[in-house]
N, C-alpha and C. Protein backbone atom coordinates (compact mmCIF):
# COMPACT_ATOMS: atom_id res chain seq x y z
N GLN A 1 164.32 92.09 -9.82
CA GLN A 1 164.48 91.31 -9.83
C GLN A 1 164.40 90.82 -11.32
N VAL A 2 165.49 90.17 -11.52
CA VAL A 2 165.82 89.13 -12.70
C VAL A 2 164.97 87.80 -13.05
N GLN A 3 164.27 87.36 -14.12
CA GLN A 3 163.23 85.60 -13.76
C GLN A 3 164.46 85.36 -15.80
N LEU A 4 165.02 83.93 -15.22
CA LEU A 4 165.81 83.46 -16.31
C LEU A 4 165.11 82.06 -16.62
N VAL A 5 164.32 81.71 -18.05
CA VAL A 5 164.07 80.67 -18.36
C VAL A 5 164.74 80.34 -19.67
N GLU A 6 165.50 78.88 -19.24
CA GLU A 6 166.26 78.09 -20.03
C GLU A 6 165.37 77.42 -21.27
N SER A 7 165.81 77.34 -22.25
CA SER A 7 165.24 76.09 -23.11
C SER A 7 166.37 75.78 -24.02
N GLY A 8 165.87 74.48 -25.15
CA GLY A 8 166.92 74.12 -25.79
C GLY A 8 167.34 72.48 -25.65
N GLY A 9 167.49 72.49 -24.17
CA GLY A 9 167.62 71.06 -23.79
C GLY A 9 167.33 69.95 -24.56
N GLY A 10 168.03 68.88 -24.45
CA GLY A 10 167.50 67.67 -24.94
C GLY A 10 167.98 66.29 -25.05
N LEU A 11 168.06 65.37 -25.84
CA LEU A 11 168.98 64.51 -26.10
C LEU A 11 169.39 64.30 -27.30
N VAL A 12 170.92 63.95 -27.57
CA VAL A 12 171.34 64.06 -28.81
C VAL A 12 172.80 63.00 -28.72
N GLN A 13 173.10 62.28 -29.73
CA GLN A 13 174.13 61.43 -29.83
C GLN A 13 175.25 62.25 -29.69
N ALA A 14 176.30 61.82 -28.89
CA ALA A 14 177.62 62.00 -28.89
C ALA A 14 178.09 62.86 -30.45
N GLY A 15 179.03 63.34 -30.61
CA GLY A 15 179.60 64.28 -32.03
C GLY A 15 178.73 65.32 -32.08
N GLY A 16 177.32 65.55 -32.28
CA GLY A 16 176.37 66.17 -32.16
C GLY A 16 175.99 67.75 -31.63
N SER A 17 175.06 68.66 -31.80
CA SER A 17 175.16 69.77 -31.00
C SER A 17 173.60 69.84 -30.23
N LEU A 18 173.72 71.05 -29.60
CA LEU A 18 172.76 71.87 -29.47
C LEU A 18 172.65 73.19 -29.12
N ARG A 19 171.59 74.32 -28.96
CA ARG A 19 171.91 75.28 -28.64
C ARG A 19 170.83 75.40 -27.61
N LEU A 20 171.58 76.32 -26.33
CA LEU A 20 170.43 76.38 -25.18
C LEU A 20 170.02 78.05 -25.24
N SER A 21 169.25 78.19 -25.02
CA SER A 21 168.65 79.99 -24.97
C SER A 21 168.16 79.91 -23.36
N CYS A 22 168.17 81.17 -23.10
CA CYS A 22 167.98 81.68 -21.55
C CYS A 22 167.48 82.99 -21.98
N ALA A 23 166.29 83.31 -21.84
CA ALA A 23 165.44 84.65 -21.91
C ALA A 23 164.94 85.06 -20.73
N ALA A 24 165.52 86.17 -20.57
CA ALA A 24 165.84 86.91 -19.21
C ALA A 24 164.52 88.26 -18.92
N SER A 25 164.13 88.72 -18.25
CA SER A 25 162.47 89.60 -18.23
C SER A 25 162.45 90.37 -16.40
N GLY A 26 162.26 91.23 -16.93
CA GLY A 26 162.09 91.71 -14.95
C GLY A 26 163.28 92.42 -14.36
N GLY A 27 164.30 92.50 -15.26
CA GLY A 27 165.66 93.55 -14.76
C GLY A 27 166.55 94.08 -16.57
N THR A 28 167.55 95.08 -15.68
CA THR A 28 168.50 95.30 -16.79
C THR A 28 169.13 94.16 -17.36
N PHE A 29 168.64 93.37 -18.27
CA PHE A 29 169.45 92.21 -18.86
C PHE A 29 170.94 93.09 -19.34
N SER A 30 170.36 94.09 -20.34
CA SER A 30 171.97 94.73 -20.93
C SER A 30 172.93 94.82 -19.90
N SER A 31 173.17 95.41 -18.86
CA SER A 31 173.91 95.16 -17.92
C SER A 31 174.46 94.05 -16.98
N ALA A 32 173.45 93.20 -16.97
CA ALA A 32 174.03 91.85 -16.10
C ALA A 32 175.12 91.25 -17.17
N ASN A 33 176.17 90.67 -16.47
CA ASN A 33 177.33 89.54 -16.78
C ASN A 33 176.27 88.14 -16.78
N MET A 34 176.49 87.33 -17.77
CA MET A 34 175.55 86.12 -17.91
C MET A 34 176.59 84.76 -18.00
N GLY A 35 175.95 83.96 -16.96
CA GLY A 35 177.09 82.65 -17.12
C GLY A 35 176.50 81.40 -17.42
N TRP A 36 176.87 80.54 -18.07
CA TRP A 36 176.08 78.95 -17.94
C TRP A 36 176.97 77.95 -17.42
N LEU A 37 176.46 77.49 -16.33
CA LEU A 37 176.78 76.67 -15.60
C LEU A 37 176.00 75.07 -15.50
N ARG A 38 176.76 74.06 -15.30
CA ARG A 38 176.06 73.03 -15.37
C ARG A 38 176.24 72.03 -13.74
N GLN A 39 175.49 71.20 -13.97
CA GLN A 39 175.12 70.21 -12.74
C GLN A 39 174.94 68.82 -12.93
N VAL A 40 175.51 67.65 -12.33
CA VAL A 40 174.94 66.62 -12.36
C VAL A 40 174.59 65.90 -10.91
N PRO A 41 173.97 65.00 -10.85
CA PRO A 41 173.46 65.02 -9.35
C PRO A 41 174.82 64.32 -8.73
N GLY A 42 175.14 64.75 -7.24
CA GLY A 42 176.23 64.51 -6.51
C GLY A 42 177.52 65.12 -6.48
N LYS A 43 177.22 65.98 -7.66
CA LYS A 43 178.29 66.63 -7.80
C LYS A 43 178.04 68.44 -7.48
N GLU A 44 179.34 69.41 -7.30
CA GLU A 44 178.45 70.63 -7.55
C GLU A 44 178.82 71.27 -8.40
N ARG A 45 177.75 72.32 -8.42
CA ARG A 45 177.31 72.90 -9.73
C ARG A 45 179.16 73.49 -10.57
N GLU A 46 179.35 73.38 -12.08
CA GLU A 46 180.45 73.85 -12.25
C GLU A 46 180.34 74.55 -13.11
N PHE A 47 181.38 75.71 -13.43
CA PHE A 47 180.76 76.71 -14.60
C PHE A 47 181.51 76.23 -16.16
N VAL A 48 180.94 76.96 -17.07
CA VAL A 48 180.85 76.39 -18.14
C VAL A 48 182.00 77.92 -18.80
N ALA A 49 180.19 78.68 -19.24
CA ALA A 49 180.88 80.17 -19.66
C ALA A 49 180.11 81.16 -19.54
N ALA A 50 180.80 82.51 -19.92
CA ALA A 50 180.45 83.50 -18.99
C ALA A 50 181.05 84.59 -20.06
N ILE A 51 180.12 85.57 -20.69
CA ILE A 51 179.92 86.56 -21.34
C ILE A 51 179.66 87.78 -20.42
N SER A 52 180.58 88.75 -21.05
CA SER A 52 180.44 90.45 -20.12
C SER A 52 179.03 90.90 -20.83
N TRP A 53 178.72 91.94 -20.15
CA TRP A 53 177.27 92.51 -20.24
C TRP A 53 177.08 93.35 -21.73
N ASN A 54 178.27 93.19 -22.15
CA ASN A 54 178.24 94.37 -23.81
C ASN A 54 178.71 93.31 -24.73
N GLY A 55 178.86 91.94 -24.31
CA GLY A 55 179.19 90.68 -25.12
C GLY A 55 180.80 90.89 -25.91
N ARG A 56 181.44 91.87 -25.10
CA ARG A 56 182.80 92.12 -26.27
C ARG A 56 183.88 90.74 -25.37
N SER A 57 183.71 90.44 -24.26
CA SER A 57 184.53 89.32 -23.62
C SER A 57 183.77 88.14 -23.20
N THR A 58 184.51 86.95 -23.52
CA THR A 58 183.72 85.55 -23.05
C THR A 58 184.82 84.55 -22.48
N PHE A 59 184.63 83.96 -22.04
CA PHE A 59 185.64 83.17 -20.94
C PHE A 59 184.97 81.86 -20.74
N TYR A 60 185.81 80.85 -21.06
CA TYR A 60 185.23 79.31 -21.16
C TYR A 60 185.93 78.57 -19.96
N ALA A 61 185.31 77.26 -19.41
CA ALA A 61 185.61 76.23 -19.06
C ALA A 61 187.02 75.64 -20.25
N GLU A 62 187.88 74.97 -19.66
CA GLU A 62 188.74 74.13 -20.38
C GLU A 62 188.20 72.97 -21.40
N SER A 63 187.19 72.34 -20.41
CA SER A 63 186.86 71.32 -20.96
C SER A 63 186.08 71.44 -21.98
N VAL A 64 185.35 72.78 -22.07
CA VAL A 64 184.32 72.88 -23.30
C VAL A 64 185.30 73.39 -24.35
N LYS A 65 186.02 74.36 -24.34
CA LYS A 65 186.91 75.50 -25.03
C LYS A 65 187.21 75.00 -26.84
N GLY A 66 186.66 75.73 -27.45
CA GLY A 66 186.86 75.07 -28.94
C GLY A 66 186.02 74.67 -29.24
N ARG A 67 184.77 73.87 -28.52
CA ARG A 67 183.37 72.87 -28.58
C ARG A 67 182.29 74.24 -28.23
N PHE A 68 182.10 75.06 -27.20
CA PHE A 68 181.08 75.56 -27.07
C PHE A 68 181.15 77.13 -27.73
N THR A 69 180.19 77.67 -27.82
CA THR A 69 180.07 79.28 -27.64
C THR A 69 179.28 79.96 -27.23
N ILE A 70 179.30 80.77 -26.40
CA ILE A 70 178.36 81.54 -25.28
C ILE A 70 178.26 82.95 -26.19
N SER A 71 177.06 83.52 -26.64
CA SER A 71 176.79 84.98 -26.98
C SER A 71 175.47 85.32 -26.54
N ARG A 72 175.04 86.67 -27.03
CA ARG A 72 174.01 87.16 -26.10
C ARG A 72 173.44 88.18 -27.50
N ASP A 73 171.89 88.36 -27.28
CA ASP A 73 171.15 89.64 -28.22
C ASP A 73 170.60 90.19 -27.32
N ASN A 74 170.93 91.42 -26.53
CA ASN A 74 171.04 92.52 -25.47
C ASN A 74 169.15 93.37 -26.25
N ALA A 75 169.12 92.83 -27.38
CA ALA A 75 167.80 93.57 -27.78
C ALA A 75 166.85 92.11 -27.66
N LYS A 76 167.20 91.15 -27.52
CA LYS A 76 166.12 89.94 -27.56
C LYS A 76 166.02 89.66 -25.70
N ASN A 77 167.02 90.48 -25.12
CA ASN A 77 167.15 90.20 -23.63
C ASN A 77 167.55 88.22 -23.21
N THR A 78 168.34 87.79 -24.34
CA THR A 78 168.68 86.70 -24.58
C THR A 78 169.98 85.95 -24.57
N VAL A 79 170.49 85.17 -24.23
CA VAL A 79 172.15 84.50 -24.11
C VAL A 79 171.70 83.39 -24.52
N TYR A 80 172.95 83.03 -25.47
CA TYR A 80 173.09 81.65 -25.93
C TYR A 80 173.88 80.68 -25.51
N LEU A 81 173.49 78.99 -25.29
CA LEU A 81 175.15 78.23 -25.58
C LEU A 81 175.10 77.66 -26.64
N GLN A 82 175.93 77.74 -27.78
CA GLN A 82 176.09 76.67 -28.61
C GLN A 82 177.01 75.81 -27.93
N MET A 83 176.51 74.37 -28.20
CA MET A 83 177.37 73.07 -27.90
C MET A 83 177.43 72.68 -29.13
N ASN A 84 179.06 72.24 -30.01
CA ASN A 84 179.19 71.42 -30.78
C ASN A 84 180.15 70.22 -30.11
N SER A 85 179.93 69.13 -31.19
CA SER A 85 180.89 68.25 -30.86
C SER A 85 180.57 67.45 -29.49
N LEU A 86 179.28 67.45 -29.05
CA LEU A 86 178.82 67.05 -27.64
C LEU A 86 179.75 66.02 -27.27
N LYS A 87 180.19 65.79 -26.11
CA LYS A 87 180.20 63.98 -25.32
C LYS A 87 179.57 63.85 -24.15
N PRO A 88 179.56 62.57 -24.26
CA PRO A 88 178.24 61.88 -22.57
C PRO A 88 178.74 62.65 -21.61
N GLU A 89 180.35 62.90 -21.67
CA GLU A 89 180.26 63.75 -20.16
C GLU A 89 180.18 64.91 -20.16
N ASP A 90 179.57 65.91 -21.23
CA ASP A 90 178.72 66.95 -21.00
C ASP A 90 177.36 66.88 -20.65
N THR A 91 176.86 65.43 -20.33
CA THR A 91 175.64 65.62 -19.86
C THR A 91 175.42 66.18 -18.45
N ALA A 92 174.26 66.52 -18.52
CA ALA A 92 173.96 67.92 -17.08
C ALA A 92 172.99 68.05 -17.35
N VAL A 93 172.29 69.25 -16.28
CA VAL A 93 171.29 70.13 -16.52
C VAL A 93 172.42 71.54 -16.17
N TYR A 94 171.75 72.13 -17.10
CA TYR A 94 172.54 73.14 -17.71
C TYR A 94 171.59 74.01 -17.05
N TYR A 95 172.23 75.10 -16.35
CA TYR A 95 171.45 76.37 -15.66
C TYR A 95 172.13 77.61 -16.48
N CYS A 96 171.28 78.69 -16.65
CA CYS A 96 171.80 79.59 -16.76
C CYS A 96 171.74 81.13 -15.39
N ALA A 97 172.41 81.84 -15.74
CA ALA A 97 172.47 82.81 -14.54
C ALA A 97 173.02 83.96 -15.03
N ALA A 98 172.48 84.94 -13.89
CA ALA A 98 173.09 86.26 -14.15
C ALA A 98 173.58 87.34 -12.75
N GLU A 99 174.95 87.82 -13.06
CA GLU A 99 175.44 88.43 -12.00
C GLU A 99 175.26 89.88 -12.82
N VAL A 100 174.40 90.52 -11.40
CA VAL A 100 174.02 91.88 -11.45
C VAL A 100 174.81 93.63 -10.73
N ARG A 101 175.79 92.51 -10.23
CA ARG A 101 176.28 93.62 -8.92
C ARG A 101 177.69 94.13 -9.54
N GLY A 102 178.14 93.57 -10.61
CA GLY A 102 179.34 94.34 -11.15
C GLY A 102 180.56 93.58 -10.29
N ARG A 103 180.50 92.32 -10.20
CA ARG A 103 181.64 92.13 -9.45
C ARG A 103 182.93 91.50 -10.58
N GLY A 104 183.73 91.84 -10.32
CA GLY A 104 185.55 91.56 -10.75
C GLY A 104 185.72 90.12 -11.33
N GLY A 105 186.46 90.11 -12.11
CA GLY A 105 186.55 88.91 -12.42
C GLY A 105 185.97 87.80 -13.68
N TRP A 106 186.23 86.94 -13.57
CA TRP A 106 185.07 85.91 -14.99
C TRP A 106 183.85 85.02 -14.26
N TRP A 107 183.56 84.98 -13.24
CA TRP A 107 182.31 84.68 -12.57
C TRP A 107 182.08 83.55 -12.79
N THR A 108 183.04 82.30 -12.43
CA THR A 108 183.64 81.10 -12.69
C THR A 108 182.67 80.19 -11.62
N ARG A 109 182.60 81.02 -10.40
CA ARG A 109 181.86 80.23 -8.94
C ARG A 109 180.31 80.65 -9.31
N LYS A 110 179.52 79.86 -8.38
CA LYS A 110 178.47 79.70 -8.71
C LYS A 110 177.88 80.88 -7.74
N ASP A 111 178.65 81.47 -6.82
CA ASP A 111 178.71 82.15 -5.58
C ASP A 111 178.72 83.78 -6.81
N ASP A 112 179.28 83.54 -7.68
CA ASP A 112 179.30 85.21 -8.05
C ASP A 112 177.59 85.60 -8.51
N TYR A 113 176.97 84.74 -9.02
CA TYR A 113 175.70 84.98 -9.92
C TYR A 113 174.47 85.39 -8.73
N ASP A 114 174.07 85.70 -9.07
CA ASP A 114 172.53 86.70 -8.23
C ASP A 114 171.02 86.07 -8.61
N TYR A 115 171.07 85.53 -9.64
CA TYR A 115 169.49 85.36 -9.92
C TYR A 115 170.19 83.76 -11.20
N TRP A 116 168.91 82.74 -11.10
CA TRP A 116 169.16 81.49 -11.92
C TRP A 116 167.98 80.92 -12.53
N GLY A 117 168.14 80.69 -13.49
CA GLY A 117 166.74 79.79 -14.25
C GLY A 117 167.06 78.51 -13.28
N GLN A 118 165.78 77.93 -14.26
CA GLN A 118 165.47 76.97 -13.26
C GLN A 118 166.35 75.38 -13.81
N GLY A 119 166.78 75.70 -15.08
CA GLY A 119 167.60 74.78 -15.50
C GLY A 119 167.16 73.96 -16.62
N THR A 120 167.97 73.04 -17.39
CA THR A 120 167.42 72.67 -18.68
C THR A 120 168.38 71.25 -18.99
N GLN A 121 167.50 70.00 -19.16
CA GLN A 121 168.30 68.92 -19.18
C GLN A 121 169.22 68.95 -20.58
N VAL A 122 170.53 68.35 -20.90
CA VAL A 122 171.26 68.28 -21.77
C VAL A 122 171.88 66.72 -21.54
N THR A 123 171.47 65.66 -22.49
CA THR A 123 171.41 64.15 -22.18
C THR A 123 172.29 63.76 -23.80
N VAL A 124 173.70 63.61 -23.54
CA VAL A 124 174.52 62.99 -24.18
C VAL A 124 174.77 61.66 -24.74
N SER A 125 174.24 60.99 -25.52
CA SER A 125 174.43 59.70 -25.59
C SER A 125 175.08 58.78 -26.49
N SER A 126 176.22 57.98 -25.95
CA SER A 126 177.05 57.31 -26.58
C SER A 126 176.74 56.41 -27.79
């Protein structure tokens, strides 16, 4: 079992920045591929970014490419999402997720993930 706890969400004006953190415990974080997904009420959970277990490879949704950066610190069992140039359409609950079965691909679907955090709200005002 892997437990994931997100933090760092909040209210920010358009153009501002936030850094989300996801602390992992209870499993082998260093071998897990990690992702961030987000969801707004009434819509499907959508992929934002993913990072491989060793941090060497990252992948982003087109909507956030160039603005968001995913990173990880395996020594601290933590994955981060740096969000810059935020837009009102980035408003959502952001979830951290872990893929531990070694699936191929880029883990862009919510079904690719095995464990989830509780989510953190990000609200971007215009």
